[in-house]
Amino acid sequence: MSEMRLGAVESRFADIVWLHEPLPSGELAKICLEELSWKRTTTYTVLKKLCDRGIFQNVNGTVSAVISREKFYAMQSDEYVKENFSGSLPAFIAAFTSGKKLSDSEIDEIQRMIDRAREGK
């Protein structure tokens, strides 16, 4: 899973791709120049690195995701819970909510998620 982790800058780059995909690699370089102040070579270096890791692909100059943003972060979250809480989602939730007051709407949303999970959705 470590190859699926993104640093802060890689994360910003990945969000650009996910937001604009599919897009020509030249257009990606222009966006990265504007938003990240990157030279074209930097964009292509980071793109190649993330393509090699199986997150994106560059086919005939068109960049697109192999893994959606939602699936990517779900995979990261799952790995985090496995590594840090022995795979226990209740232990993670207990740690996450300790010392933090949840609003009624947050509690309601968590309850809806539990209900959907119980129903098998």
C-alpha atoms as a PDB file:
ATOM      1  CA  MET A   1       0.000   0.000   0.000  1.00  0.00           C
ATOM      2  CA  SER A   2       2.903   2.370   0.550  1.00  0.00           C
ATOM      3  CA  GLU A   3       3.105   2.887  -3.226  1.00  0.00           C
ATOM      4  CA  MET A   4      -0.450   4.216  -3.042  1.00  0.00           C
ATOM      5  CA  ARG A   5       0.343   6.874  -0.474  1.00  0.00           C
ATOM      6  CA  LEU A   6       0.664  10.401  -1.740  1.00  0.00           C
ATOM      7  CA  GLY A   7       2.697  13.220  -0.305  1.00  0.00           C
ATOM      8  CA  ALA A   8       1.129  16.671  -0.023  1.00  0.00           C
ATOM      9  CA  VAL A   9       2.357  17.859  -3.423  1.00  0.00           C
ATOM     10  CA  GLU A  10       1.473  14.579  -5.132  1.00  0.00           C
ATOM     11  CA  SER A  11      -1.982  14.873  -3.589  1.00  0.00           C
ATOM     12  CA  ARG A  12      -2.498  18.331  -5.081  1.00  0.00           C
ATOM     13  CA  PHE A  13      -1.344  17.030  -8.460  1.00  0.00           C
ATOM     14  CA  ALA A  14      -3.630  13.992  -8.235  1.00  0.00           C
ATOM     15  CA  ASP A  15      -6.595  16.208  -7.390  1.00  0.00           C
ATOM     16  CA  ILE A  16      -5.904  18.248 -10.528  1.00  0.00           C
ATOM     17  CA  VAL A  17      -5.932  15.105 -12.658  1.00  0.00           C
ATOM     18  CA  TRP A  18      -9.073  13.734 -11.008  1.00  0.00           C
ATOM     19  CA  LEU A  19     -10.845  17.077 -11.438  1.00  0.00           C
ATOM     20  CA  HIS A  20     -10.002  17.504 -15.134  1.00  0.00           C
ATOM     21  CA  GLU A  21      -9.689  13.965 -16.490  1.00  0.00           C
ATOM     22  CA  PRO A  22      -9.480  12.868 -19.175  1.00  0.00           C
ATOM     23  CA  LEU A  23      -7.183  15.595 -20.416  1.00  0.00           C
ATOM     24  CA  PRO A  24      -4.275  15.961 -22.817  1.00  0.00           C
ATOM     25  CA  SER A  25      -0.908  15.825 -21.079  1.00  0.00           C
ATOM     26  CA  GLY A  26      -0.015  19.245 -22.514  1.00  0.00           C
ATOM     27  CA  GLU A  27      -3.113  20.734 -20.924  1.00  0.00           C
ATOM     28  CA  LEU A  28      -2.169  19.083 -17.619  1.00  0.00           C
ATOM     29  CA  ALA A  29       1.256  20.734 -17.848  1.00  0.00           C
ATOM     30  CA  LYS A  30      -0.414  24.133 -18.387  1.00  0.00           C
ATOM     31  CA  ILE A  31      -2.710  23.650 -15.397  1.00  0.00           C
ATOM     32  CA  CYS A  32       0.217  22.575 -13.204  1.00  0.00           C
ATOM     33  CA  LEU A  33       2.182  25.643 -14.304  1.00  0.00           C
ATOM     34  CA  GLU A  34      -0.726  27.865 -13.238  1.00  0.00           C
ATOM     35  CA  GLU A  35      -1.717  26.083 -10.033  1.00  0.00           C
ATOM     36  CA  LEU A  36       1.567  24.593  -8.809  1.00  0.00           C
ATOM     37  CA  SER A  37       4.156  26.781 -10.591  1.00  0.00           C
ATOM     38  CA  TRP A  38       5.664  23.618 -12.071  1.00  0.00           C
ATOM     39  CA  LYS A  39       7.756  23.384 -15.203  1.00  0.00           C
ATOM     40  CA  ARG A  40       6.537  20.955 -17.853  1.00  0.00           C
ATOM     41  CA  THR A  41       9.331  18.512 -16.954  1.00  0.00           C
ATOM     42  CA  THR A  42       8.231  18.414 -13.321  1.00  0.00           C
ATOM     43  CA  THR A  43       4.648  17.669 -14.339  1.00  0.00           C
ATOM     44  CA  TYR A  44       5.752  14.825 -16.598  1.00  0.00           C
ATOM     45  CA  THR A  45       8.087  13.402 -13.954  1.00  0.00           C
ATOM     46  CA  VAL A  46       5.352  13.294 -11.310  1.00  0.00           C
ATOM     47  CA  LEU A  47       2.826  11.980 -13.840  1.00  0.00           C
ATOM     48  CA  LYS A  48       5.169   9.139 -14.827  1.00  0.00           C
ATOM     49  CA  LYS A  49       5.770   8.282 -11.180  1.00  0.00           C
ATOM     50  CA  LEU A  50       2.028   8.071 -10.458  1.00  0.00           C
ATOM     51  CA  CYS A  51       1.399   6.142 -13.678  1.00  0.00           C
ATOM     52  CA  ASP A  52       4.107   3.648 -12.672  1.00  0.00           C
ATOM     53  CA  ARG A  53       2.315   3.256  -9.334  1.00  0.00           C
ATOM     54  CA  GLY A  54      -0.924   2.416 -11.141  1.00  0.00           C
ATOM     55  CA  ILE A  55      -2.923   5.469 -10.095  1.00  0.00           C
ATOM     56  CA  PHE A  56      -3.064   7.213 -13.484  1.00  0.00           C
ATOM     57  CA  GLN A  57      -2.403   6.353 -17.090  1.00  0.00           C
ATOM     58  CA  ASN A  58      -1.121   8.361 -20.043  1.00  0.00           C
ATOM     59  CA  VAL A  59      -2.333   6.719 -23.233  1.00  0.00           C
ATOM     60  CA  ASN A  60      -1.483   8.474 -26.486  1.00  0.00           C
ATOM     61  CA  GLY A  61      -1.039  11.752 -24.630  1.00  0.00           C
ATOM     62  CA  THR A  62      -4.362  11.571 -22.775  1.00  0.00           C
ATOM     63  CA  VAL A  63      -4.146  11.408 -18.999  1.00  0.00           C
ATOM     64  CA  SER A  64      -6.851   9.636 -17.005  1.00  0.00           C
ATOM     65  CA  ALA A  65      -7.281   7.839 -13.707  1.00  0.00           C
ATOM     66  CA  VAL A  66      -6.901   4.110 -13.278  1.00  0.00           C
ATOM     67  CA  ILE A  67      -8.255   4.470  -9.737  1.00  0.00           C
ATOM     68  CA  SER A  68     -10.985   6.994  -8.925  1.00  0.00           C
ATOM     69  CA  ARG A  69     -10.366   9.573  -6.214  1.00  0.00           C
ATOM     70  CA  GLU A  70     -13.043   7.991  -4.023  1.00  0.00           C
ATOM     71  CA  LYS A  71     -11.630   4.474  -4.392  1.00  0.00           C
ATOM     72  CA  PHE A  72      -8.079   5.706  -3.817  1.00  0.00           C
ATOM     73  CA  TYR A  73      -8.932   7.428  -0.544  1.00  0.00           C
ATOM     74  CA  ALA A  74     -11.108   4.501   0.549  1.00  0.00           C
ATOM     75  CA  MET A  75      -8.102   2.212   0.024  1.00  0.00           C
ATOM     76  CA  GLN A  76      -5.882   4.582   2.012  1.00  0.00           C
ATOM     77  CA  SER A  77      -8.409   4.791   4.841  1.00  0.00           C
ATOM     78  CA  ASP A  78      -8.751   1.024   4.984  1.00  0.00           C
ATOM     79  CA  GLU A  79      -4.974   0.598   5.137  1.00  0.00           C
ATOM     80  CA  TYR A  80      -4.691   3.265   7.851  1.00  0.00           C
ATOM     81  CA  VAL A  81      -7.247   1.455  10.027  1.00  0.00           C
ATOM     82  CA  LYS A  82      -5.454  -1.873   9.457  1.00  0.00           C
ATOM     83  CA  GLU A  83      -2.015  -0.458  10.302  1.00  0.00           C
ATOM     84  CA  ASN A  84      -2.957   1.703  13.261  1.00  0.00           C
ATOM     85  CA  PHE A  85      -6.027   0.080  14.821  1.00  0.00           C
ATOM     86  CA  SER A  86      -5.496  -3.620  14.050  1.00  0.00           C
ATOM     87  CA  GLY A  87      -8.264  -3.359  11.483  1.00  0.00           C
ATOM     88  CA  SER A  88     -10.853  -2.326  14.071  1.00  0.00           C
ATOM     89  CA  LEU A  89     -13.194   0.320  12.723  1.00  0.00           C
ATOM     90  CA  PRO A  90     -14.818   0.814  16.173  1.00  0.00           C
ATOM     91  CA  ALA A  91     -11.363   1.466  17.684  1.00  0.00           C
ATOM     92  CA  PHE A  92     -10.646   4.009  14.937  1.00  0.00           C
ATOM     93  CA  ILE A  93     -13.995   5.763  15.478  1.00  0.00           C
ATOM     94  CA  ALA A  94     -13.438   5.838  19.243  1.00  0.00           C
ATOM     95  CA  ALA A  95     -10.001   7.411  18.760  1.00  0.00           C
ATOM     96  CA  PHE A  96     -11.271   9.836  16.133  1.00  0.00           C
ATOM     97  CA  THR A  97     -14.166  11.070  18.250  1.00  0.00           C
ATOM     98  CA  SER A  98     -12.437  11.185  21.631  1.00  0.00           C
ATOM     99  CA  GLY A  99     -12.196  14.742  22.856  1.00  0.00           C
ATOM    100  CA  LYS A 100     -14.304  15.943  19.932  1.00  0.00           C
ATOM    101  CA  LYS A 101     -17.927  16.972  20.189  1.00  0.00           C
ATOM    102  CA  LEU A 102     -19.955  15.716  17.253  1.00  0.00           C
ATOM    103  CA  SER A 103     -22.857  17.804  16.017  1.00  0.00           C
ATOM    104  CA  ASP A 104     -26.318  16.300  15.799  1.00  0.00           C
ATOM    105  CA  SER A 105     -26.057  16.267  12.002  1.00  0.00           C
ATOM    106  CA  GLU A 106     -22.715  14.403  12.160  1.00  0.00           C
ATOM    107  CA  ILE A 107     -24.204  11.837  14.547  1.00  0.00           C
ATOM    108  CA  ASP A 108     -27.235  11.447  12.271  1.00  0.00           C
ATOM    109  CA  GLU A 109     -25.005  10.923   9.220  1.00  0.00           C
ATOM    110  CA  ILE A 110     -22.913   8.318  11.048  1.00  0.00           C
ATOM    111  CA  GLN A 111     -26.107   6.549  12.107  1.00  0.00           C
ATOM    112  CA  ARG A 112     -27.339   6.532   8.488  1.00  0.00           C
ATOM    113  CA  MET A 113     -24.021   5.006   7.417  1.00  0.00           C
ATOM    114  CA  ILE A 114     -24.368   2.307  10.078  1.00  0.00           C
ATOM    115  CA  ASP A 115     -27.959   1.625   9.033  1.00  0.00           C
ATOM    116  CA  ARG A 116     -26.934   1.318   5.352  1.00  0.00           C
ATOM    117  CA  ALA A 117     -24.081  -1.039   6.314  1.00  0.00           C
ATOM    118  CA  ARG A 118     -26.482  -3.146   8.372  1.00  0.00           C
ATOM    119  CA  GLU A 119     -28.838  -3.360   5.397  1.00  0.00           C
ATOM    120  CA  GLY A 120     -25.950  -4.484   3.202  1.00  0.00           C
ATOM    121  CA  LYS A 121     -25.798  -1.391   0.990  1.00  0.00           C
END
